[in-house]
């Protein structure tokens, strides 16, 4: 499988900072066309873990470059306390297409 993934764990300064991050992030992601799938999981009131899936390594590299171009650290730096990132090959993927009924974002 050629797909690659990036897993990002974010801890925020507060629950309110997490909400603000989500609002800004949804808008920013519309400019990152290389991403095939994003799953964001609330792991605590002030933290999230997100999984980003890309079609190949070069798409991830282009997204990293785009992130720098869009000054991600400047846009979100005031909200994030700690950021941990893992990149790797997707070894397994299972998805029931007919079960997808909702596509959107929650700002809670």
PDB file of N, CA and C in Angstrom:
ATOM      1  N   UNK A   1       0.858  -1.175   0.000  1.00  0.00           N
ATOM      2  CA  UNK A   1       0.000   0.000   0.000  1.00  0.00           C
ATOM      3  C   UNK A   1       0.899   1.232   0.000  1.00  0.00           C
ATOM      4  N   UNK A   2       0.643   2.159  -0.883  1.00  0.00           N
ATOM      5  CA  UNK A   2       1.470   3.351  -1.012  1.00  0.00           C
ATOM      6  C   UNK A   2       1.075   4.487  -0.075  1.00  0.00           C
ATOM      7  N   UNK A   3      -0.078   4.389   0.534  1.00  0.00           N
ATOM      8  CA  UNK A   3      -0.558   5.496   1.371  1.00  0.00           C
ATOM      9  C   UNK A   3       0.344   5.698   2.583  1.00  0.00           C
ATOM     10  N   UNK A   4       0.468   6.962   2.997  1.00  0.00           N
ATOM     11  CA  UNK A   4       1.222   7.294   4.203  1.00  0.00           C
ATOM     12  C   UNK A   4       0.306   8.088   5.136  1.00  0.00           C
ATOM     13  N   UNK A   5       0.669   8.081   6.401  1.00  0.00           N
ATOM     14  CA  UNK A   5      -0.151   8.777   7.391  1.00  0.00           C
ATOM     15  C   UNK A   5       0.723   9.612   8.306  1.00  0.00           C
ATOM     16  N   UNK A   6       0.108  10.621   8.849  1.00  0.00           N
ATOM     17  CA  UNK A   6       0.726  11.459   9.875  1.00  0.00           C
ATOM     18  C   UNK A   6      -0.242  11.463  11.051  1.00  0.00           C
ATOM     19  N   UNK A   7       0.279  11.146  12.225  1.00  0.00           N
ATOM     20  CA  UNK A   7      -0.512  11.179  13.451  1.00  0.00           C
ATOM     21  C   UNK A   7       0.022  12.332  14.289  1.00  0.00           C
ATOM     22  N   UNK A   8      -0.879  13.210  14.684  1.00  0.00           N
ATOM     23  CA  UNK A   8      -0.485  14.400  15.429  1.00  0.00           C
ATOM     24  C   UNK A   8      -1.264  14.441  16.745  1.00  0.00           C
ATOM     25  N   UNK A   9      -0.530  14.532  17.835  1.00  0.00           N
ATOM     26  CA  UNK A   9      -1.124  14.691  19.156  1.00  0.00           C
ATOM     27  C   UNK A   9      -0.875  16.126  19.599  1.00  0.00           C
ATOM     28  N   UNK A  10      -1.950  16.819  19.975  1.00  0.00           N
ATOM     29  CA  UNK A  10      -1.846  18.216  20.392  1.00  0.00           C
ATOM     30  C   UNK A  10      -2.426  18.411  21.780  1.00  0.00           C
ATOM     31  N   UNK A  11      -1.660  19.081  22.624  1.00  0.00           N
ATOM     32  CA  UNK A  11      -2.141  19.529  23.926  1.00  0.00           C
ATOM     33  C   UNK A  11      -2.240  21.043  23.858  1.00  0.00           C
ATOM     34  N   UNK A  12      -3.371  21.568  24.330  1.00  0.00           N
ATOM     35  CA  UNK A  12      -3.632  23.001  24.260  1.00  0.00           C
ATOM     36  C   UNK A  12      -3.517  23.639  25.640  1.00  0.00           C
ATOM     37  N   UNK A  13      -3.423  24.946  25.653  1.00  0.00           N
ATOM     38  CA  UNK A  13      -3.344  25.681  26.913  1.00  0.00           C
ATOM     39  C   UNK A  13      -4.660  25.626  27.688  1.00  0.00           C
ATOM     40  N   UNK A  14      -5.772  25.368  26.982  1.00  0.00           N
ATOM     41  CA  UNK A  14      -7.083  25.307  27.631  1.00  0.00           C
ATOM     42  C   UNK A  14      -8.087  24.654  26.684  1.00  0.00           C
ATOM     43  N   UNK A  15      -9.251  24.312  27.219  1.00  0.00           N
ATOM     44  CA  UNK A  15     -10.333  23.778  26.385  1.00  0.00           C
ATOM     45  C   UNK A  15     -10.785  24.812  25.358  1.00  0.00           C
ATOM     46  N   UNK A  16     -10.773  26.077  25.750  1.00  0.00           N
ATOM     47  CA  UNK A  16     -11.168  27.152  24.833  1.00  0.00           C
ATOM     48  C   UNK A  16     -10.166  27.270  23.681  1.00  0.00           C
ATOM     49  N   UNK A  17      -8.889  27.063  23.975  1.00  0.00           N
ATOM     50  CA  UNK A  17      -7.863  27.109  22.921  1.00  0.00           C
ATOM     51  C   UNK A  17      -8.085  25.990  21.919  1.00  0.00           C
ATOM     52  N   UNK A  18      -8.511  24.819  22.394  1.00  0.00           N
ATOM     53  CA  UNK A  18      -8.805  23.699  21.490  1.00  0.00           C
ATOM     54  C   UNK A  18      -9.962  24.051  20.554  1.00  0.00           C
ATOM     55  N   UNK A  19     -10.990  24.679  21.089  1.00  0.00           N
ATOM     56  CA  UNK A  19     -12.138  25.079  20.264  1.00  0.00           C
ATOM     57  C   UNK A  19     -11.694  26.086  19.201  1.00  0.00           C
ATOM     58  N   UNK A  20     -10.898  27.062  19.591  1.00  0.00           N
ATOM     59  CA  UNK A  20     -10.405  28.061  18.641  1.00  0.00           C
ATOM     60  C   UNK A  20      -9.523  27.416  17.581  1.00  0.00           C
ATOM     61  N   UNK A  21      -8.690  26.471  17.983  1.00  0.00           N
ATOM     62  CA  UNK A  21      -7.837  25.746  17.036  1.00  0.00           C
ATOM     63  C   UNK A  21      -8.691  25.053  15.977  1.00  0.00           C
ATOM     64  N   UNK A  22      -9.732  24.347  16.404  1.00  0.00           N
ATOM     65  CA  UNK A  22     -10.591  23.640  15.458  1.00  0.00           C
ATOM     66  C   UNK A  22     -11.212  24.596  14.448  1.00  0.00           C
ATOM     67  N   UNK A  23     -11.663  25.733  14.905  1.00  0.00           N
ATOM     68  CA  UNK A  23     -12.274  26.717  14.002  1.00  0.00           C
ATOM     69  C   UNK A  23     -11.272  27.167  12.942  1.00  0.00           C
ATOM     70  N   UNK A  24     -10.060  27.500  13.386  1.00  0.00           N
ATOM     71  CA  UNK A  24      -9.030  27.956  12.444  1.00  0.00           C
ATOM     72  C   UNK A  24      -8.558  26.817  11.546  1.00  0.00           C
ATOM     73  N   UNK A  25      -8.457  25.625  12.085  1.00  0.00           N
ATOM     74  CA  UNK A  25      -7.896  24.480  11.355  1.00  0.00           C
ATOM     75  C   UNK A  25      -8.797  24.046  10.206  1.00  0.00           C
ATOM     76  N   UNK A  26     -10.093  24.022  10.435  1.00  0.00           N
ATOM     77  CA  UNK A  26     -11.020  23.606   9.378  1.00  0.00           C
ATOM     78  C   UNK A  26     -10.862  24.511   8.156  1.00  0.00           C
ATOM     79  N   UNK A  27     -10.727  25.792   8.386  1.00  0.00           N
ATOM     80  CA  UNK A  27     -10.529  26.738   7.279  1.00  0.00           C
ATOM     81  C   UNK A  27      -9.192  26.489   6.585  1.00  0.00           C
ATOM     82  N   UNK A  28      -8.142  26.266   7.347  1.00  0.00           N
ATOM     83  CA  UNK A  28      -6.812  26.035   6.782  1.00  0.00           C
ATOM     84  C   UNK A  28      -6.761  24.746   5.960  1.00  0.00           C
ATOM     85  N   UNK A  29      -7.433  23.701   6.435  1.00  0.00           N
ATOM     86  CA  UNK A  29      -7.375  22.419   5.739  1.00  0.00           C
ATOM     87  C   UNK A  29      -8.000  22.466   4.354  1.00  0.00           C
ATOM     88  N   UNK A  30      -8.863  23.409   4.124  1.00  0.00           N
ATOM     89  CA  UNK A  30      -9.447  23.526   2.786  1.00  0.00           C
ATOM     90  C   UNK A  30      -8.383  23.890   1.753  1.00  0.00           C
ATOM     91  N   UNK A  31      -7.227  24.399   2.211  1.00  0.00           N
ATOM     92  CA  UNK A  31      -6.120  24.727   1.315  1.00  0.00           C
ATOM     93  C   UNK A  31      -5.103  23.600   1.185  1.00  0.00           C
ATOM     94  N   UNK A  32      -5.377  22.456   1.770  1.00  0.00           N
ATOM     95  CA  UNK A  32      -4.452  21.324   1.737  1.00  0.00           C
ATOM     96  C   UNK A  32      -5.129  20.171   1.000  1.00  0.00           C
ATOM     97  N   UNK A  33      -5.143  20.267  -0.313  1.00  0.00           N
ATOM     98  CA  UNK A  33      -5.867  19.317  -1.149  1.00  0.00           C
ATOM     99  C   UNK A  33      -5.258  17.930  -1.191  1.00  0.00           C
ATOM    100  N   UNK A  34      -4.030  17.778  -0.724  1.00  0.00           N
ATOM    101  CA  UNK A  34      -3.350  16.487  -0.771  1.00  0.00           C
ATOM    102  C   UNK A  34      -3.906  15.486   0.244  1.00  0.00           C
ATOM    103  N   UNK A  35      -4.568  15.972   1.270  1.00  0.00           N
ATOM    104  CA  UNK A  35      -5.058  15.102   2.336  1.00  0.00           C
ATOM    105  C   UNK A  35      -6.294  14.344   1.853  1.00  0.00           C
ATOM    106  N   UNK A  36      -6.251  13.002   1.965  1.00  0.00           N
ATOM    107  CA  UNK A  36      -7.393  12.176   1.571  1.00  0.00           C
ATOM    108  C   UNK A  36      -8.405  12.007   2.696  1.00  0.00           C
ATOM    109  N   UNK A  37      -7.906  11.946   3.918  1.00  0.00           N
ATOM    110  CA  UNK A  37      -8.772  11.665   5.058  1.00  0.00           C
ATOM    111  C   UNK A  37      -8.176  12.285   6.310  1.00  0.00           C
ATOM    112  N   UNK A  38      -9.035  12.850   7.146  1.00  0.00           N
ATOM    113  CA  UNK A  38      -8.625  13.343   8.465  1.00  0.00           C
ATOM    114  C   UNK A  38      -9.622  12.804   9.480  1.00  0.00           C
ATOM    115  N   UNK A  39      -9.104  12.219  10.544  1.00  0.00           N
ATOM    116  CA  UNK A  39      -9.930  11.808  11.672  1.00  0.00           C
ATOM    117  C   UNK A  39      -9.353  12.505  12.896  1.00  0.00           C
ATOM    118  N   UNK A  40     -10.165  13.273  13.576  1.00  0.00           N
ATOM    119  CA  UNK A  40      -9.719  13.995  14.754  1.00  0.00           C
ATOM    120  C   UNK A  40     -10.475  13.454  15.968  1.00  0.00           C
ATOM    121  N   UNK A  41      -9.723  13.050  16.990  1.00  0.00           N
ATOM    122  CA  UNK A  41     -10.300  12.435  18.178  1.00  0.00           C
ATOM    123  C   UNK A  41     -10.019  13.319  19.390  1.00  0.00           C
ATOM    124  N   UNK A  42     -11.074  13.649  20.138  1.00  0.00           N
ATOM    125  CA  UNK A  42     -10.907  14.388  21.386  1.00  0.00           C
ATOM    126  C   UNK A  42     -10.401  13.416  22.440  1.00  0.00           C
ATOM    127  N   UNK A  43      -9.171  13.595  22.894  1.00  0.00           N
ATOM    128  CA  UNK A  43      -8.605  12.700  23.897  1.00  0.00           C
ATOM    129  C   UNK A  43      -8.740  13.265  25.313  1.00  0.00           C
ATOM    130  N   UNK A  44      -9.042  14.541  25.428  1.00  0.00           N
ATOM    131  CA  UNK A  44      -9.319  15.208  26.708  1.00  0.00           C
ATOM    132  C   UNK A  44      -9.932  16.567  26.380  1.00  0.00           C
ATOM    133  N   UNK A  45     -10.359  17.279  27.400  1.00  0.00           N
ATOM    134  CA  UNK A  45     -10.959  18.601  27.173  1.00  0.00           C
ATOM    135  C   UNK A  45      -9.986  19.555  26.484  1.00  0.00           C
ATOM    136  N   UNK A  46      -8.694  19.352  26.723  1.00  0.00           N
ATOM    137  CA  UNK A  46      -7.688  20.262  26.170  1.00  0.00           C
ATOM    138  C   UNK A  46      -6.677  19.558  25.263  1.00  0.00           C
ATOM    139  N   UNK A  47      -7.097  18.443  24.639  1.00  0.00           N
ATOM    140  CA  UNK A  47      -6.174  17.760  23.717  1.00  0.00           C
ATOM    141  C   UNK A  47      -6.936  16.984  22.648  1.00  0.00           C
ATOM    142  N   UNK A  48      -6.251  16.796  21.521  1.00  0.00           N
ATOM    143  CA  UNK A  48      -6.787  15.997  20.419  1.00  0.00           C
ATOM    144  C   UNK A  48      -5.672  15.168  19.798  1.00  0.00           C
ATOM    145  N   UNK A  49      -6.069  14.122  19.102  1.00  0.00           N
ATOM    146  CA  UNK A  49      -5.151  13.349  18.287  1.00  0.00           C
ATOM    147  C   UNK A  49      -5.798  13.227  16.913  1.00  0.00           C
ATOM    148  N   UNK A  50      -5.045  13.559  15.876  1.00  0.00           N
ATOM    149  CA  UNK A  50      -5.582  13.519  14.513  1.00  0.00           C
ATOM    150  C   UNK A  50      -4.750  12.594  13.655  1.00  0.00           C
ATOM    151  N   UNK A  51      -5.436  11.907  12.737  1.00  0.00           N
ATOM    152  CA  UNK A  51      -4.785  11.027  11.765  1.00  0.00           C
ATOM    153  C   UNK A  51      -5.063  11.601  10.386  1.00  0.00           C
ATOM    154  N   UNK A  52      -4.001  11.873   9.654  1.00  0.00           N
ATOM    155  CA  UNK A  52      -4.085  12.398   8.300  1.00  0.00           C
ATOM    156  C   UNK A  52      -3.580  11.315   7.347  1.00  0.00           C
ATOM    157  N   UNK A  53      -4.325  11.026   6.287  1.00  0.00           N
ATOM    158  CA  UNK A  53      -3.916  10.018   5.308  1.00  0.00           C
ATOM    159  C   UNK A  53      -3.665  10.697   3.967  1.00  0.00           C
ATOM    160  N   UNK A  54      -2.542  10.325   3.351  1.00  0.00           N
ATOM    161  CA  UNK A  54      -2.107  10.887   2.070  1.00  0.00           C
ATOM    162  C   UNK A  54      -1.943   9.761   1.052  1.00  0.00           C
ATOM    163  N   UNK A  55      -2.125  10.063  -0.241  1.00  0.00           N
ATOM    164  CA  UNK A  55      -2.017   9.015  -1.261  1.00  0.00           C
ATOM    165  C   UNK A  55      -0.608   8.451  -1.424  1.00  0.00           C
ATOM    166  N   UNK A  56       0.414   9.266  -1.134  1.00  0.00           N
ATOM    167  CA  UNK A  56       1.806   8.805  -1.237  1.00  0.00           C
ATOM    168  C   UNK A  56       2.715   9.767  -0.485  1.00  0.00           C
ATOM    169  N   UNK A  57       3.974   9.388  -0.346  1.00  0.00           N
ATOM    170  CA  UNK A  57       4.958  10.175   0.411  1.00  0.00           C
ATOM    171  C   UNK A  57       5.109  11.593  -0.145  1.00  0.00           C
ATOM    172  N   UNK A  58       5.095  11.730  -1.467  1.00  0.00           N
ATOM    173  CA  UNK A  58       5.276  13.059  -2.057  1.00  0.00           C
ATOM    174  C   UNK A  58       4.118  14.000  -1.698  1.00  0.00           C
ATOM    175  N   UNK A  59       2.915  13.464  -1.516  1.00  0.00           N
ATOM    176  CA  UNK A  59       1.771  14.287  -1.103  1.00  0.00           C
ATOM    177  C   UNK A  59       1.969  14.800   0.325  1.00  0.00           C
ATOM    178  N   UNK A  60       2.507  13.955   1.188  1.00  0.00           N
ATOM    179  CA  UNK A  60       2.821  14.386   2.548  1.00  0.00           C
ATOM    180  C   UNK A  60       3.888  15.476   2.517  1.00  0.00           C
ATOM    181  N   UNK A  61       4.896  15.299   1.691  1.00  0.00           N
ATOM    182  CA  UNK A  61       5.970  16.310   1.577  1.00  0.00           C
ATOM    183  C   UNK A  61       5.412  17.647   1.085  1.00  0.00           C
ATOM    184  N   UNK A  62       4.503  17.611   0.113  1.00  0.00           N
ATOM    185  CA  UNK A  62       3.897  18.847  -0.389  1.00  0.00           C
ATOM    186  C   UNK A  62       3.049  19.522   0.698  1.00  0.00           C
ATOM    187  N   UNK A  63       2.371  18.720   1.497  1.00  0.00           N
ATOM    188  CA  UNK A  63       1.560  19.274   2.579  1.00  0.00           C
ATOM    189  C   UNK A  63       2.443  19.899   3.648  1.00  0.00           C
ATOM    190  N   UNK A  64       3.573  19.267   3.960  1.00  0.00           N
ATOM    191  CA  UNK A  64       4.517  19.856   4.923  1.00  0.00           C
ATOM    192  C   UNK A  64       5.010  21.212   4.409  1.00  0.00           C
ATOM    193  N   UNK A  65       5.328  21.284   3.123  1.00  0.00           N
ATOM    194  CA  UNK A  65       5.779  22.545   2.536  1.00  0.00           C
ATOM    195  C   UNK A  65       4.670  23.593   2.576  1.00  0.00           C
ATOM    196  N   UNK A  66       3.453  23.170   2.281  1.00  0.00           N
ATOM    197  CA  UNK A  66       2.308  24.088   2.297  1.00  0.00           C
ATOM    198  C   UNK A  66       2.059  24.607   3.720  1.00  0.00           C
ATOM    199  N   UNK A  67       2.254  23.737   4.703  1.00  0.00           N
ATOM    200  CA  UNK A  67       2.097  24.122   6.110  1.00  0.00           C
ATOM    201  C   UNK A  67       3.064  25.247   6.472  1.00  0.00           C
ATOM    202  N   UNK A  68       4.300  25.147   5.993  1.00  0.00           N
ATOM    203  CA  UNK A  68       5.283  26.202   6.232  1.00  0.00           C
ATOM    204  C   UNK A  68       4.889  27.488   5.511  1.00  0.00           C
ATOM    205  N   UNK A  69       4.428  27.319   4.280  1.00  0.00           N
ATOM    206  CA  UNK A  69       4.014  28.472   3.477  1.00  0.00           C
ATOM    207  C   UNK A  69       2.857  29.228   4.128  1.00  0.00           C
ATOM    208  N   UNK A  70       1.944  28.487   4.742  1.00  0.00           N
ATOM    209  CA  UNK A  70       0.785  29.104   5.391  1.00  0.00           C
ATOM    210  C   UNK A  70       1.085  29.568   6.818  1.00  0.00           C
ATOM    211  N   UNK A  71       2.353  29.429   7.223  1.00  0.00           N
ATOM    212  CA  UNK A  71       2.818  29.894   8.540  1.00  0.00           C
ATOM    213  C   UNK A  71       1.998  29.290   9.677  1.00  0.00           C
ATOM    214  N   UNK A  72       1.885  27.967   9.639  1.00  0.00           N
ATOM    215  CA  UNK A  72       1.111  27.215  10.618  1.00  0.00           C
ATOM    216  C   UNK A  72       1.492  27.564  12.049  1.00  0.00           C
ATOM    217  N   UNK A  73       2.787  27.656  12.325  1.00  0.00           N
ATOM    218  CA  UNK A  73       3.240  27.939  13.688  1.00  0.00           C
ATOM    219  C   UNK A  73       2.786  29.320  14.153  1.00  0.00           C
ATOM    220  N   UNK A  74       2.787  30.287  13.266  1.00  0.00           N
ATOM    221  CA  UNK A  74       2.328  31.630  13.626  1.00  0.00           C
ATOM    222  C   UNK A  74       0.823  31.668  13.849  1.00  0.00           C
ATOM    223  N   UNK A  75       0.097  30.942  13.029  1.00  0.00           N
ATOM    224  CA  UNK A  75      -1.362  30.952  13.104  1.00  0.00           C
ATOM    225  C   UNK A  75      -1.860  30.247  14.365  1.00  0.00           C
ATOM    226  N   UNK A  76      -1.199  29.139  14.742  1.00  0.00           N
ATOM    227  CA  UNK A  76      -1.683  28.321  15.850  1.00  0.00           C
ATOM    228  C   UNK A  76      -0.789  28.311  17.085  1.00  0.00           C
ATOM    229  N   UNK A  77       0.382  28.891  17.003  1.00  0.00           N
ATOM    230  CA  UNK A  77       1.359  28.801  18.081  1.00  0.00           C
ATOM    231  C   UNK A  77       0.867  29.269  19.440  1.00  0.00           C
ATOM    232  N   UNK A  78       0.003  30.259  19.464  1.00  0.00           N
ATOM    233  CA  UNK A  78      -0.493  30.783  20.740  1.00  0.00           C
ATOM    234  C   UNK A  78      -1.455  29.829  21.446  1.00  0.00           C
ATOM    235  N   UNK A  79      -1.979  28.845  20.715  1.00  0.00           N
ATOM    236  CA  UNK A  79      -2.980  27.932  21.273  1.00  0.00           C
ATOM    237  C   UNK A  79      -2.384  26.618  21.774  1.00  0.00           C
ATOM    238  N   UNK A  80      -1.286  26.200  21.160  1.00  0.00           N
ATOM    239  CA  UNK A  80      -0.736  24.862  21.391  1.00  0.00           C
ATOM    240  C   UNK A  80       0.344  24.879  22.464  1.00  0.00           C
ATOM    241  N   UNK A  81       0.182  23.994  23.438  1.00  0.00           N
ATOM    242  CA  UNK A  81       1.170  23.836  24.500  1.00  0.00           C
ATOM    243  C   UNK A  81       2.241  22.826  24.078  1.00  0.00           C
ATOM    244  N   UNK A  82       1.810  21.697  23.467  1.00  0.00           N
ATOM    245  CA  UNK A  82       2.754  20.661  23.046  1.00  0.00           C
ATOM    246  C   UNK A  82       2.222  19.943  21.814  1.00  0.00           C
ATOM    247  N   UNK A  83       3.131  19.607  20.893  1.00  0.00           N
ATOM    248  CA  UNK A  83       2.772  18.936  19.638  1.00  0.00           C
ATOM    249  C   UNK A  83       3.724  17.766  19.432  1.00  0.00           C
ATOM    250  N   UNK A  84       3.160  16.574  19.206  1.00  0.00           N
ATOM    251  CA  UNK A  84       3.943  15.374  18.927  1.00  0.00           C
ATOM    252  C   UNK A  84       3.471  14.807  17.593  1.00  0.00           C
ATOM    253  N   UNK A  85       4.415  14.452  16.712  1.00  0.00           N
ATOM    254  CA  UNK A  85       4.080  14.007  15.363  1.00  0.00           C
ATOM    255  C   UNK A  85       4.751  12.673  15.059  1.00  0.00           C
ATOM    256  N   UNK A  86       3.998  11.775  14.420  1.00  0.00           N
ATOM    257  CA  UNK A  86       4.519  10.505  13.940  1.00  0.00           C
ATOM    258  C   UNK A  86       4.121  10.351  12.477  1.00  0.00           C
ATOM    259  N   UNK A  87       5.059   9.981  11.605  1.00  0.00           N
ATOM    260  CA  UNK A  87       4.782   9.716  10.192  1.00  0.00           C
ATOM    261  C   UNK A  87       5.099   8.254   9.903  1.00  0.00           C
ATOM    262  N   UNK A  88       4.332   7.636   9.005  1.00  0.00           N
ATOM    263  CA  UNK A  88       4.628   6.254   8.634  1.00  0.00           C
ATOM    264  C   UNK A  88       3.747   5.757   7.510  1.00  0.00           C
ATOM    265  N   UNK A  89       4.088   4.582   7.006  1.00  0.00           N
ATOM    266  CA  UNK A  89       3.309   3.931   5.961  1.00  0.00           C
ATOM    267  C   UNK A  89       2.019   3.374   6.547  1.00  0.00           C
ATOM    268  N   UNK A  90       0.934   3.446   5.771  1.00  0.00           N
ATOM    269  CA  UNK A  90      -0.331   2.849   6.181  1.00  0.00           C
ATOM    270  C   UNK A  90      -0.228   1.357   5.877  1.00  0.00           C
ATOM    271  N   UNK A  91      -0.318   0.540   6.900  1.00  0.00           N
ATOM    272  CA  UNK A  91      -0.204  -0.902   6.723  1.00  0.00           C
ATOM    273  C   UNK A  91      -1.548  -1.591   6.572  1.00  0.00           C
ATOM    274  N   UNK A  92      -2.601  -0.973   7.057  1.00  0.00           N
ATOM    275  CA  UNK A  92      -3.919  -1.590   7.036  1.00  0.00           C
ATOM    276  C   UNK A  92      -4.975  -0.500   7.073  1.00  0.00           C
ATOM    277  N   UNK A  93      -6.054  -0.702   6.324  1.00  0.00           N
ATOM    278  CA  UNK A  93      -7.131   0.281   6.257  1.00  0.00           C
ATOM    279  C   UNK A  93      -8.437  -0.476   6.077  1.00  0.00           C
ATOM    280  N   UNK A  94      -9.407  -0.227   6.931  1.00  0.00           N
ATOM    281  CA  UNK A  94     -10.737  -0.804   6.787  1.00  0.00           C
ATOM    282  C   UNK A  94     -11.751   0.306   6.944  1.00  0.00           C
ATOM    283  N   UNK A  95     -12.711   0.352   6.037  1.00  0.00           N
ATOM    284  CA  UNK A  95     -13.729   1.398   6.090  1.00  0.00           C
ATOM    285  C   UNK A  95     -14.995   0.869   5.459  1.00  0.00           C
ATOM    286  N   UNK A  96     -16.114   1.011   6.144  1.00  0.00           N
ATOM    287  CA  UNK A  96     -17.418   0.635   5.596  1.00  0.00           C
ATOM    288  C   UNK A  96     -18.003   1.878   4.944  1.00  0.00           C
ATOM    289  N   UNK A  97     -17.929   1.956   3.654  1.00  0.00           N
ATOM    290  CA  UNK A  97     -18.385   3.142   2.913  1.00  0.00           C
ATOM    291  C   UNK A  97     -19.852   3.454   3.195  1.00  0.00           C
ATOM    292  N   UNK A  98     -20.697   2.460   3.188  1.00  0.00           N
ATOM    293  CA  UNK A  98     -22.122   2.720   3.371  1.00  0.00           C
ATOM    294  C   UNK A  98     -22.452   3.254   4.764  1.00  0.00           C
ATOM    295  N   UNK A  99     -21.537   3.153   5.713  1.00  0.00           N
ATOM    296  CA  UNK A  99     -21.830   3.627   7.059  1.00  0.00           C
ATOM    297  C   UNK A  99     -21.498   5.109   7.256  1.00  0.00           C
ATOM    298  N   UNK A 100     -20.862   5.750   6.275  1.00  0.00           N
ATOM    299  CA  UNK A 100     -20.513   7.160   6.418  1.00  0.00           C
ATOM    300  C   UNK A 100     -21.752   8.013   6.139  1.00  0.00           C
ATOM    301  N   UNK A 101     -22.243   8.653   7.191  1.00  0.00           N
ATOM    302  CA  UNK A 101     -23.448   9.457   7.066  1.00  0.00           C
ATOM    303  C   UNK A 101     -23.208  10.906   7.445  1.00  0.00           C
ATOM    304  N   UNK A 102     -22.066  11.189   8.060  1.00  0.00           N
ATOM    305  CA  UNK A 102     -21.814  12.541   8.543  1.00  0.00           C
ATOM    306  C   UNK A 102     -20.413  12.968   8.140  1.00  0.00           C
ATOM    307  N   UNK A 103     -20.321  14.145   7.598  1.00  0.00           N
ATOM    308  CA  UNK A 103     -19.017  14.713   7.266  1.00  0.00           C
ATOM    309  C   UNK A 103     -19.063  16.161   7.707  1.00  0.00           C
ATOM    310  N   UNK A 104     -18.260  16.498   8.668  1.00  0.00           N
ATOM    311  CA  UNK A 104     -18.287  17.859   9.166  1.00  0.00           C
ATOM    312  C   UNK A 104     -17.393  18.017  10.367  1.00  0.00           C
ATOM    313  N   UNK A 105     -17.580  19.098  11.078  1.00  0.00           N
ATOM    314  CA  UNK A 105     -16.726  19.403  12.211  1.00  0.00           C
ATOM    315  C   UNK A 105     -17.568  19.825  13.400  1.00  0.00           C
ATOM    316  N   UNK A 106     -17.085  19.482  14.570  1.00  0.00           N
ATOM    317  CA  UNK A 106     -17.691  19.922  15.806  1.00  0.00           C
ATOM    318  C   UNK A 106     -16.727  20.891  16.464  1.00  0.00           C
ATOM    319  N   UNK A 107     -17.233  22.011  16.907  1.00  0.00           N
ATOM    320  CA  UNK A 107     -16.378  23.006  17.540  1.00  0.00           C
ATOM    321  C   UNK A 107     -16.475  22.965  19.053  1.00  0.00           C
ATOM    322  N   UNK A 108     -16.920  21.876  19.604  1.00  0.00           N
ATOM    323  CA  UNK A 108     -17.068  21.804  21.067  1.00  0.00           C
ATOM    324  C   UNK A 108     -15.768  21.441  21.726  1.00  0.00           C
TER     325      UNK A 108
END
